[in-house]
Structure formats: structure tokens, C-alpha cells
Amino acid sequence: MDYTEKPPDPGEHPFTGAGKINKLPFDIKGDSSYPIQKARVSDARQILVLVNSFAASNLMLPRGPQYIYENIRDFAIAVDDTLESTGAGKERRIIACGSLHVLWEDIAEIRSTAIHLDYQHKGLGKKLVDFMKIEAKELGIKTLFTWTLAEDFFKALGFKRKGSEELSPKVWGECSRCPKYFQCDEVGMVLEL
């Protein structure tokens, strides 16, 4: 992955130059049309389709509309606004998403990281995780955690695999409601910020 980085001005937010997270300061070379930003309520249906397209192949957990709406503030997205819509003109199209879900005062989980098949291997997954890492730091989170089937991806980003006995009890809070609870095939991974 080849990146070009623009340094922020002194005293400005490292991603936006302002006081809130919105877009990353770097773009993939020649690929500046895919900004990373916080999701809006109007993005929920596209996020649902993207996440559940991977869940249908057992690559991540399925999510329902209620979950997406209730947790919309957790989601960051990548947008390709150059695609023609089925109607008149252009419309915002979500091509990647991920969520940062706070579990406790010092730990947050990265969930539902999905990149549309046509946009994979362009660095969007790394950009999303980098965005969520900065957001976690701003919130005062010291540890990021994920359950994943993409161990190599998260390992390349500095996450370390942890055995179930090494994991914080806080990460188990929602496991009993998970459809994979009795036959979990996901790996727990942790990144200290």
C-alpha cells in the first residue's frame, strides 16, 4: 500500500484540521475520491447491505436494521460519490464501513469492518482503522479489541492475537447474544494505543 501523507497544521486536529473527526488527511495515491467520514442516519441502509453481504458468506456477524440505527454514531464510512445513481445525477455510495463500539472506560471494539469487493486492496481497511484509532484516542480509550476472521489484516495493523483467558472480561458482555456463541470461529485481537 502506497500512501501520500499531508501533515496537519500545528494545533489542528491531525485528520481534519478542525475540532472533530471527519476525513483523513491522506489519500491513496490517485484515489482521492474515497473520503473517510462519520456515518449519518441516511447511510444506515447501505451499511446494512454492505455488512450483510459479508455476513452471508460467514465472514462477519450479520446485523439488523435496529442495530445499525442504534449504533450509527459508531460507524465510519468510505464514500465513492463519483458513481452514477439509478436516478438522475450522482449520489453518495458507501464502499466501506467499520464501527468503533465503546465497551468500557478503557476499551473499545472495532466491529463490522467491510470493504465492497470492487474496492478491496486499495488501503481503505487501513484508512478506516486509522480513523477509528484516532477517534478512540480522542475518547480516552487505551485498548482496541476485535473479534475477527481476518487475523492477517489486523496483525499487519499492529493488533496481537490473544487467547480467551487473556482477554478483558468486558469483551465477553455481548457474546451470549451472538449467533456464534457455542461455535465461535473468530480470533480475539488487541491493540494497545
C-alpha atoms as a PDB file:
ATOM      1  CA  MET A   1       0.000   0.000   0.000  1.00  0.00           C
ATOM      2  CA  ASP A   2       1.390   3.330  -1.032  1.00  0.00           C
ATOM      3  CA  TYR A   3       0.272   6.471   0.803  1.00  0.00           C
ATOM      4  CA  THR A   4       0.952  10.153   0.431  1.00  0.00           C
ATOM      5  CA  GLU A   5       0.590  11.997   3.712  1.00  0.00           C
ATOM      6  CA  LYS A   6      -0.152  15.686   4.202  1.00  0.00           C
ATOM      7  CA  PRO A   7       0.990  16.884   7.624  1.00  0.00           C
ATOM      8  CA  PRO A   8      -1.604  18.862   9.581  1.00  0.00           C
ATOM      9  CA  ASP A   9      -1.001  22.470  10.510  1.00  0.00           C
ATOM     10  CA  PRO A  10       0.276  22.918  14.079  1.00  0.00           C
ATOM     11  CA  GLY A  11      -2.545  22.999  16.625  1.00  0.00           C
ATOM     12  CA  GLU A  12      -5.093  21.435  14.309  1.00  0.00           C
ATOM     13  CA  HIS A  13      -6.787  18.061  14.545  1.00  0.00           C
ATOM     14  CA  PRO A  14      -4.496  15.572  12.759  1.00  0.00           C
ATOM     15  CA  PHE A  15      -7.279  14.327  10.459  1.00  0.00           C
ATOM     16  CA  THR A  16      -9.476  17.322   9.808  1.00  0.00           C
ATOM     17  CA  GLY A  17      -7.610  20.450  10.800  1.00  0.00           C
ATOM     18  CA  ALA A  18     -10.616  21.194  12.993  1.00  0.00           C
ATOM     19  CA  GLY A  19     -12.089  20.058  16.276  1.00  0.00           C
ATOM     20  CA  LYS A  20     -13.982  16.995  15.042  1.00  0.00           C
ATOM     21  CA  ILE A  21     -13.212  13.837  13.113  1.00  0.00           C
ATOM     22  CA  ASN A  22     -14.454  13.917   9.552  1.00  0.00           C
ATOM     23  CA  LYS A  23     -11.857  12.892   6.924  1.00  0.00           C
ATOM     24  CA  LEU A  24      -8.324  11.548   6.908  1.00  0.00           C
ATOM     25  CA  PRO A  25      -5.512  13.912   5.790  1.00  0.00           C
ATOM     26  CA  PHE A  26      -4.032  11.381   3.383  1.00  0.00           C
ATOM     27  CA  ASP A  27      -5.397   9.720   0.317  1.00  0.00           C
ATOM     28  CA  ILE A  28      -4.336   6.635  -1.538  1.00  0.00           C
ATOM     29  CA  LYS A  29      -2.220   7.808  -4.489  1.00  0.00           C
ATOM     30  CA  GLY A  30      -4.509   8.711  -7.344  1.00  0.00           C
ATOM     31  CA  ASP A  31      -7.535   7.707  -5.278  1.00  0.00           C
ATOM     32  CA  SER A  32      -8.715  10.853  -3.519  1.00  0.00           C
ATOM     33  CA  SER A  33     -12.385  10.208  -4.261  1.00  0.00           C
ATOM     34  CA  TYR A  34     -12.911   7.940  -1.225  1.00  0.00           C
ATOM     35  CA  PRO A  35     -13.022  10.105   1.895  1.00  0.00           C
ATOM     36  CA  ILE A  36     -13.405   8.515   5.342  1.00  0.00           C
ATOM     37  CA  GLN A  37     -16.075  10.198   7.460  1.00  0.00           C
ATOM     38  CA  LYS A  38     -18.603   9.567  10.192  1.00  0.00           C
ATOM     39  CA  ALA A  39     -21.812   7.858   9.082  1.00  0.00           C
ATOM     40  CA  ARG A  40     -25.181   9.584   9.048  1.00  0.00           C
ATOM     41  CA  VAL A  41     -28.600   8.078   9.704  1.00  0.00           C
ATOM     42  CA  SER A  42     -29.285   8.212   5.967  1.00  0.00           C
ATOM     43  CA  ASP A  43     -26.326   5.808   5.462  1.00  0.00           C
ATOM     44  CA  ALA A  44     -27.820   3.008   7.572  1.00  0.00           C
ATOM     45  CA  ARG A  45     -29.437   1.045   4.757  1.00  0.00           C
ATOM     46  CA  GLN A  46     -26.274   0.974   2.635  1.00  0.00           C
ATOM     47  CA  ILE A  47     -24.202  -0.048   5.683  1.00  0.00           C
ATOM     48  CA  LEU A  48     -26.692  -2.835   6.365  1.00  0.00           C
ATOM     49  CA  VAL A  49     -26.402  -4.158   2.797  1.00  0.00           C
ATOM     50  CA  LEU A  50     -22.582  -3.973   2.834  1.00  0.00           C
ATOM     51  CA  VAL A  51     -22.170  -5.699   6.207  1.00  0.00           C
ATOM     52  CA  ASN A  52     -24.743  -8.398   5.498  1.00  0.00           C
ATOM     53  CA  SER A  53     -23.232  -9.176   2.098  1.00  0.00           C
ATOM     54  CA  PHE A  54     -20.131 -10.353   4.009  1.00  0.00           C
ATOM     55  CA  ALA A  55     -22.190 -11.981   6.759  1.00  0.00           C
ATOM     56  CA  ALA A  56     -23.942 -14.094   4.116  1.00  0.00           C
ATOM     57  CA  SER A  57     -20.528 -15.674   3.399  1.00  0.00           C
ATOM     58  CA  ASN A  58     -19.868 -16.136   7.154  1.00  0.00           C
ATOM     59  CA  LEU A  59     -17.089 -13.524   7.035  1.00  0.00           C
ATOM     60  CA  MET A  60     -18.624 -11.400   9.799  1.00  0.00           C
ATOM     61  CA  LEU A  61     -21.653 -11.243  12.033  1.00  0.00           C
ATOM     62  CA  PRO A  62     -24.956 -10.249  10.460  1.00  0.00           C
ATOM     63  CA  ARG A  63     -26.543  -7.020  11.638  1.00  0.00           C
ATOM     64  CA  GLY A  64     -30.175  -5.967  11.614  1.00  0.00           C
ATOM     65  CA  PRO A  65     -31.541  -2.512  10.844  1.00  0.00           C
ATOM     66  CA  GLN A  66     -32.218  -1.773  14.510  1.00  0.00           C
ATOM     67  CA  TYR A  67     -28.591  -2.499  15.417  1.00  0.00           C
ATOM     68  CA  ILE A  68     -27.300  -0.212  12.633  1.00  0.00           C
ATOM     69  CA  TYR A  69     -29.617   2.664  13.558  1.00  0.00           C
ATOM     70  CA  GLU A  70     -28.964   2.350  17.299  1.00  0.00           C
ATOM     71  CA  ASN A  71     -25.202   2.307  16.692  1.00  0.00           C
ATOM     72  CA  ILE A  72     -24.948   4.687  13.706  1.00  0.00           C
ATOM     73  CA  ARG A  73     -22.697   7.040  15.696  1.00  0.00           C
ATOM     74  CA  ASP A  74     -20.147   4.196  15.996  1.00  0.00           C
ATOM     75  CA  PHE A  75     -19.740   3.892  12.222  1.00  0.00           C
ATOM     76  CA  ALA A  76     -17.137   5.424   9.948  1.00  0.00           C
ATOM     77  CA  ILE A  77     -17.570   5.030   6.205  1.00  0.00           C
ATOM     78  CA  ALA A  78     -15.727   5.477   2.927  1.00  0.00           C
ATOM     79  CA  VAL A  79     -17.725   7.079   0.155  1.00  0.00           C
ATOM     80  CA  ASP A  80     -17.447   6.967  -3.621  1.00  0.00           C
ATOM     81  CA  ASP A  81     -19.544   9.892  -4.768  1.00  0.00           C
ATOM     82  CA  THR A  82     -18.440   9.533  -8.394  1.00  0.00           C
ATOM     83  CA  LEU A  83     -20.843   6.667  -9.151  1.00  0.00           C
ATOM     84  CA  GLU A  84     -23.938   7.408 -11.170  1.00  0.00           C
ATOM     85  CA  SER A  85     -27.153   6.643  -9.337  1.00  0.00           C
ATOM     86  CA  THR A  86     -30.021   4.756 -10.872  1.00  0.00           C
ATOM     87  CA  GLY A  87     -31.927   8.040 -10.982  1.00  0.00           C
ATOM     88  CA  ALA A  88     -30.770  11.436 -12.157  1.00  0.00           C
ATOM     89  CA  GLY A  89     -27.263  12.614 -11.275  1.00  0.00           C
ATOM     90  CA  LYS A  90     -24.765  11.328  -8.769  1.00  0.00           C
ATOM     91  CA  GLU A  91     -25.353  10.070  -5.257  1.00  0.00           C
ATOM     92  CA  ARG A  92     -23.255   9.197  -2.237  1.00  0.00           C
ATOM     93  CA  ARG A  93     -22.306   5.483  -2.274  1.00  0.00           C
ATOM     94  CA  ILE A  94     -20.821   3.738   0.738  1.00  0.00           C
ATOM     95  CA  ILE A  95     -17.995   1.443  -0.318  1.00  0.00           C
ATOM     96  CA  ALA A  96     -16.510   0.622   3.099  1.00  0.00           C
ATOM     97  CA  CYS A  97     -17.506   0.797   6.740  1.00  0.00           C
ATOM     98  CA  GLY A  98     -16.347  -0.046  10.226  1.00  0.00           C
ATOM     99  CA  SER A  99     -17.526   0.763  13.711  1.00  0.00           C
ATOM    100  CA  LEU A 100     -15.867   1.701  16.976  1.00  0.00           C
ATOM    101  CA  HIS A 101     -18.010   0.471  19.853  1.00  0.00           C
ATOM    102  CA  VAL A 102     -17.012   1.571  23.351  1.00  0.00           C
ATOM    103  CA  LEU A 103     -17.216  -1.353  25.789  1.00  0.00           C
ATOM    104  CA  TRP A 104     -15.913   0.275  28.971  1.00  0.00           C
ATOM    105  CA  GLU A 105     -13.879   3.255  30.145  1.00  0.00           C
ATOM    106  CA  ASP A 106     -10.629   1.975  28.639  1.00  0.00           C
ATOM    107  CA  ILE A 107     -11.578  -0.463  25.869  1.00  0.00           C
ATOM    108  CA  ALA A 108     -13.453  -0.254  22.565  1.00  0.00           C
ATOM    109  CA  GLU A 109     -14.197  -2.865  19.930  1.00  0.00           C
ATOM    110  CA  ILE A 110     -13.720  -2.481  16.197  1.00  0.00           C
ATOM    111  CA  ARG A 111     -16.706  -4.129  14.537  1.00  0.00           C
ATOM    112  CA  SER A 112     -18.328  -4.623  11.153  1.00  0.00           C
ATOM    113  CA  THR A 113     -15.300  -3.652   9.055  1.00  0.00           C
ATOM    114  CA  ALA A 114     -16.324  -4.318   5.456  1.00  0.00           C
ATOM    115  CA  ILE A 115     -14.922  -3.169   2.118  1.00  0.00           C
ATOM    116  CA  HIS A 116     -17.002  -3.583  -1.054  1.00  0.00           C
ATOM    117  CA  LEU A 117     -15.380  -6.250  -3.254  1.00  0.00           C
ATOM    118  CA  ASP A 118     -14.734  -3.768  -6.087  1.00  0.00           C
ATOM    119  CA  TYR A 119     -12.713  -1.536  -3.725  1.00  0.00           C
ATOM    120  CA  GLN A 120     -10.572  -4.054  -1.868  1.00  0.00           C
ATOM    121  CA  HIS A 121      -6.744  -3.877  -1.873  1.00  0.00           C
ATOM    122  CA  LYS A 122      -6.799  -0.075  -2.121  1.00  0.00           C
ATOM    123  CA  GLY A 123      -5.947   0.630   1.526  1.00  0.00           C
ATOM    124  CA  LEU A 124      -9.482   1.501   2.622  1.00  0.00           C
ATOM    125  CA  GLY A 125      -9.449  -1.001   5.505  1.00  0.00           C
ATOM    126  CA  LYS A 126      -6.281   0.545   6.904  1.00  0.00           C
ATOM    127  CA  LYS A 127      -7.698   4.048   6.470  1.00  0.00           C
ATOM    128  CA  LEU A 128     -10.858   3.065   8.355  1.00  0.00           C
ATOM    129  CA  VAL A 129      -8.917   1.501  11.233  1.00  0.00           C
ATOM    130  CA  ASP A 130      -6.553   4.503  11.384  1.00  0.00           C
ATOM    131  CA  PHE A 131      -9.599   6.776  11.568  1.00  0.00           C
ATOM    132  CA  MET A 132     -11.090   4.716  14.403  1.00  0.00           C
ATOM    133  CA  LYS A 133      -7.747   4.632  16.260  1.00  0.00           C
ATOM    134  CA  ILE A 134      -7.631   8.436  16.329  1.00  0.00           C
ATOM    135  CA  GLU A 135     -11.267   8.577  17.389  1.00  0.00           C
ATOM    136  CA  ALA A 136     -10.554   6.076  20.202  1.00  0.00           C
ATOM    137  CA  LYS A 137      -7.600   8.150  21.422  1.00  0.00           C
ATOM    138  CA  GLU A 138      -9.786  11.280  21.452  1.00  0.00           C
ATOM    139  CA  LEU A 139     -12.289   9.388  23.612  1.00  0.00           C
ATOM    140  CA  GLY A 140      -9.559   8.342  26.052  1.00  0.00           C
ATOM    141  CA  ILE A 141      -9.626   4.676  25.047  1.00  0.00           C
ATOM    142  CA  LYS A 142      -6.379   2.837  25.799  1.00  0.00           C
ATOM    143  CA  THR A 143      -7.125  -0.538  24.190  1.00  0.00           C
ATOM    144  CA  LEU A 144      -8.753  -1.536  20.916  1.00  0.00           C
ATOM    145  CA  PHE A 145     -10.153  -5.017  20.540  1.00  0.00           C
ATOM    146  CA  THR A 146     -11.697  -7.007  17.710  1.00  0.00           C
ATOM    147  CA  TRP A 147     -13.190 -10.424  17.075  1.00  0.00           C
ATOM    148  CA  THR A 148     -12.185 -11.310  13.537  1.00  0.00           C
ATOM    149  CA  LEU A 149     -11.713 -13.921  10.840  1.00  0.00           C
ATOM    150  CA  ALA A 150      -9.211 -11.567   9.119  1.00  0.00           C
ATOM    151  CA  GLU A 151      -6.318 -12.146  11.519  1.00  0.00           C
ATOM    152  CA  ASP A 152      -3.606 -11.245   8.994  1.00  0.00           C
ATOM    153  CA  PHE A 153      -5.234  -7.889   8.213  1.00  0.00           C
ATOM    154  CA  PHE A 154      -5.376  -6.822  11.858  1.00  0.00           C
ATOM    155  CA  LYS A 155      -1.921  -8.256  12.579  1.00  0.00           C
ATOM    156  CA  ALA A 156      -0.485  -6.023   9.836  1.00  0.00           C
ATOM    157  CA  LEU A 157      -2.054  -3.052  11.672  1.00  0.00           C
ATOM    158  CA  GLY A 158      -0.327  -3.933  14.945  1.00  0.00           C
ATOM    159  CA  PHE A 159      -3.041  -5.980  16.650  1.00  0.00           C
ATOM    160  CA  LYS A 160      -1.912  -9.033  18.602  1.00  0.00           C
ATOM    161  CA  ARG A 161      -3.814 -12.286  18.919  1.00  0.00           C
ATOM    162  CA  LYS A 162      -4.930 -13.063  22.465  1.00  0.00           C
ATOM    163  CA  GLY A 163      -6.217 -16.290  23.937  1.00  0.00           C
ATOM    164  CA  SER A 164      -9.631 -16.215  25.566  1.00  0.00           C
ATOM    165  CA  GLU A 165      -8.072 -16.329  29.053  1.00  0.00           C
ATOM    166  CA  GLU A 166      -6.013 -13.201  28.232  1.00  0.00           C
ATOM    167  CA  LEU A 167      -8.986 -11.080  27.188  1.00  0.00           C
ATOM    168  CA  SER A 168     -10.644  -8.487  29.380  1.00  0.00           C
ATOM    169  CA  PRO A 169     -13.955  -9.665  30.854  1.00  0.00           C
ATOM    170  CA  LYS A 170     -15.529  -6.584  29.222  1.00  0.00           C
ATOM    171  CA  VAL A 171     -15.204  -8.137  25.744  1.00  0.00           C
ATOM    172  CA  TRP A 172     -17.483 -11.018  26.693  1.00  0.00           C
ATOM    173  CA  GLY A 173     -20.507  -8.863  27.560  1.00  0.00           C
ATOM    174  CA  GLU A 174     -22.354  -9.349  24.290  1.00  0.00           C
ATOM    175  CA  CYS A 175     -21.070 -12.816  23.399  1.00  0.00           C
ATOM    176  CA  SER A 176     -24.024 -14.645  24.959  1.00  0.00           C
ATOM    177  CA  ARG A 177     -26.323 -12.957  22.397  1.00  0.00           C
ATOM    178  CA  CYS A 178     -24.056 -13.817  19.445  1.00  0.00           C
ATOM    179  CA  PRO A 179     -25.242 -16.427  16.918  1.00  0.00           C
ATOM    180  CA  LYS A 180     -21.739 -17.968  17.061  1.00  0.00           C
ATOM    181  CA  TYR A 181     -21.681 -18.229  20.851  1.00  0.00           C
ATOM    182  CA  PHE A 182     -21.451 -22.031  21.027  1.00  0.00           C
ATOM    183  CA  GLN A 183     -19.237 -22.457  17.951  1.00  0.00           C
ATOM    184  CA  CYS A 184     -17.159 -19.291  17.693  1.00  0.00           C
ATOM    185  CA  ASP A 185     -14.562 -19.367  14.926  1.00  0.00           C
ATOM    186  CA  GLU A 186     -13.347 -15.794  15.390  1.00  0.00           C
ATOM    187  CA  VAL A 187      -9.988 -14.760  16.848  1.00  0.00           C
ATOM    188  CA  GLY A 188      -9.650 -12.126  19.576  1.00  0.00           C
ATOM    189  CA  MET A 189      -7.067  -9.444  18.819  1.00  0.00           C
ATOM    190  CA  VAL A 190      -5.891  -6.439  20.847  1.00  0.00           C
ATOM    191  CA  LEU A 191      -4.036  -3.205  20.124  1.00  0.00           C
ATOM    192  CA  GLU A 192      -2.722  -1.003  22.920  1.00  0.00           C
ATOM    193  CA  LEU A 193      -2.942   2.672  21.960  1.00  0.00           C
END
